[in-house]
Amino acid sequence: MELFVLRMIGPWQLMLLFVVFGIPFLMAILILKNKRLEATEKLVWIFVAFLLPILGSLLYLFIGNRKNKK
């Protein structure tokens, strides 16, 4: 049964799974490693990255990652 399910997943489905789960997970790692953000800001960015996988990740890369040092 398990082998049958794995055969049903094609390359497009794998790419979609990566976009929906992989990219936000990688973004969460980057967000947590960012020492310039406070804890609440990190939590908000992680929430945005998982809620909107592509748009949230792009927003963090272009907007959230540029916060000036205090």
Protein backbone atom coordinates (compact mmCIF):
# COMPACT_ATOMS: atom_id res chain seq x y z
CA MET A 1 0.00 0.00 0.00
CA GLU A 2 2.76 2.49 0.91
CA LEU A 3 4.64 1.82 -2.31
CA PHE A 4 1.46 2.42 -4.30
CA VAL A 5 0.97 5.82 -2.69
CA LEU A 6 4.57 6.84 -3.40
CA ARG A 7 4.15 5.90 -7.07
CA MET A 8 1.15 8.21 -7.32
CA ILE A 9 3.22 11.28 -6.41
CA GLY A 10 4.69 12.90 -9.50
CA PRO A 11 7.34 15.57 -9.93
CA TRP A 12 4.80 18.43 -9.86
CA GLN A 13 3.34 17.19 -6.61
CA LEU A 14 6.81 16.95 -5.08
CA MET A 15 7.59 20.52 -6.14
CA LEU A 16 4.30 21.71 -4.64
CA LEU A 17 5.09 19.90 -1.38
CA PHE A 18 8.50 21.57 -1.29
CA VAL A 19 6.99 25.01 -1.90
CA VAL A 20 4.28 24.54 0.74
CA PHE A 21 6.42 22.91 3.44
CA GLY A 22 10.11 23.16 2.51
CA ILE A 23 10.48 26.85 1.80
CA PRO A 24 8.67 28.03 4.96
CA PHE A 25 10.74 25.58 7.03
CA LEU A 26 13.97 26.99 5.57
CA MET A 27 12.70 30.52 6.13
CA ALA A 28 11.91 29.66 9.77
CA ILE A 29 15.52 28.57 10.24
CA LEU A 30 16.80 31.83 8.71
CA ILE A 31 14.40 33.89 10.82
CA LEU A 32 15.40 32.14 14.04
CA LYS A 33 19.11 32.66 13.28
CA ASN A 34 18.61 36.40 12.71
CA LYS A 35 20.00 38.08 15.84
CA ARG A 36 18.70 41.54 14.88
CA LEU A 37 15.04 40.58 15.34
CA GLU A 38 13.27 40.45 18.67
CA ALA A 39 11.35 37.33 19.72
CA THR A 40 7.94 38.75 18.84
CA GLU A 41 9.16 39.86 15.42
CA LYS A 42 10.55 36.38 14.77
CA LEU A 43 7.24 34.82 15.74
CA VAL A 44 5.31 37.13 13.41
CA TRP A 45 7.68 36.48 10.48
CA ILE A 46 7.49 32.71 10.98
CA PHE A 47 3.70 32.93 11.08
CA VAL A 48 3.68 34.95 7.84
CA ALA A 49 6.12 32.54 6.17
CA PHE A 50 3.92 29.54 6.98
CA LEU A 51 0.62 31.28 6.28
CA LEU A 52 1.74 32.58 2.86
CA PRO A 53 4.59 30.27 1.82
CA ILE A 54 5.85 32.06 -1.31
CA LEU A 55 4.78 35.63 -0.61
CA GLY A 56 5.68 35.50 3.07
CA SER A 57 9.14 34.14 2.35
CA LEU A 58 9.80 36.77 -0.29
CA LEU A 59 8.55 39.53 2.00
CA TYR A 60 10.94 38.42 4.73
CA LEU A 61 13.89 38.21 2.35
CA PHE A 62 13.29 41.69 0.92
CA ILE A 63 11.79 43.57 3.89
CA GLY A 64 12.33 41.76 7.19
CA ASN A 65 15.95 40.86 6.70
CA ARG A 66 17.00 44.52 6.25
CA LYS A 67 16.20 45.75 9.72
CA ASN A 68 18.97 48.08 10.92
CA LYS A 69 21.06 47.23 13.93
CA LYS A 70 20.08 49.01 17.12
